[in-house]
Amino acid sequence: MKFEINEKMEHKIREWDSCKAVDVTGAKFEYSFIPTGIGLVIKVQCDICRRILDLTEDWE
């Protein structure tokens, strides 16, 4: 399987992000991709403040 973050998702992440990275790499997000029988659940968690952004598309 191939998991990707598209431009629309990148834009949502930038709008949602309010924390400053605390290490030299600048890494601060954990990306979760969970395949299910009805679609793909995509979540981003901030490693600094622990907030979670759900990027899962609306399921019909």
Protein backbone atom coordinates (compact mmCIF):
# COMPACT_ATOMS: atom_id res chain seq x y z
CA MET A 1 0.00 0.00 0.00
CA LYS A 2 1.04 3.56 -0.61
CA PHE A 3 0.13 6.26 1.91
CA GLU A 4 0.35 9.89 0.83
CA ILE A 5 -0.51 13.34 2.14
CA ASN A 6 -1.94 15.46 -0.68
CA GLU A 7 -1.75 19.27 -1.06
CA LYS A 8 -5.19 19.80 0.50
CA MET A 9 -4.11 17.83 3.57
CA GLU A 10 -0.79 19.71 3.77
CA HIS A 11 -2.74 22.99 3.78
CA LYS A 12 -5.00 21.76 6.64
CA ILE A 13 -1.92 20.69 8.63
CA ARG A 14 -0.25 24.09 8.18
CA GLU A 15 -3.44 25.90 9.31
CA TRP A 16 -3.81 23.59 12.34
CA ASP A 17 -0.14 23.67 13.42
CA SER A 18 0.67 26.16 16.16
CA CYS A 19 3.64 24.50 17.91
CA LYS A 20 7.35 25.10 17.44
CA ALA A 21 9.63 22.09 16.98
CA VAL A 22 11.86 21.44 19.98
CA ASP A 23 14.57 19.31 18.39
CA VAL A 24 17.13 20.00 15.68
CA THR A 25 15.35 17.89 13.04
CA GLY A 26 12.18 19.96 13.18
CA ALA A 27 10.10 16.78 13.44
CA LYS A 28 6.95 17.14 15.51
CA PHE A 29 4.19 15.07 13.90
CA GLU A 30 3.14 11.44 14.05
CA TYR A 31 1.17 10.31 11.01
CA SER A 32 -1.26 7.38 11.35
CA PHE A 33 -2.76 5.62 8.33
CA ILE A 34 -5.34 2.98 9.24
CA PRO A 35 -6.89 1.00 6.36
CA THR A 36 -10.45 -0.15 7.07
CA GLY A 37 -13.13 -1.93 5.11
CA ILE A 38 -14.82 1.38 4.25
CA GLY A 39 -11.82 3.62 3.62
CA LEU A 40 -8.57 4.99 5.00
CA VAL A 41 -8.41 6.75 8.38
CA ILE A 42 -5.68 9.43 8.41
CA LYS A 43 -4.66 11.22 11.61
CA VAL A 44 -1.84 13.58 12.49
CA GLN A 45 -0.74 13.96 16.12
CA CYS A 46 1.47 16.77 17.37
CA ASP A 47 4.28 15.31 19.49
CA ILE A 48 4.57 18.58 21.41
CA CYS A 49 1.01 19.39 22.51
CA ARG A 50 -0.55 15.95 21.76
CA ARG A 51 -3.47 17.41 19.74
CA ILE A 52 -4.87 15.21 16.96
CA LEU A 53 -6.02 16.36 13.52
CA ASP A 54 -8.30 13.92 11.68
CA LEU A 55 -7.74 14.14 7.90
CA THR A 56 -10.11 11.30 7.04
CA GLU A 57 -12.22 12.19 4.02
CA ASP A 58 -16.02 12.10 4.43
CA TRP A 59 -17.32 8.61 3.90
CA GLU A 60 -20.52 8.18 1.96
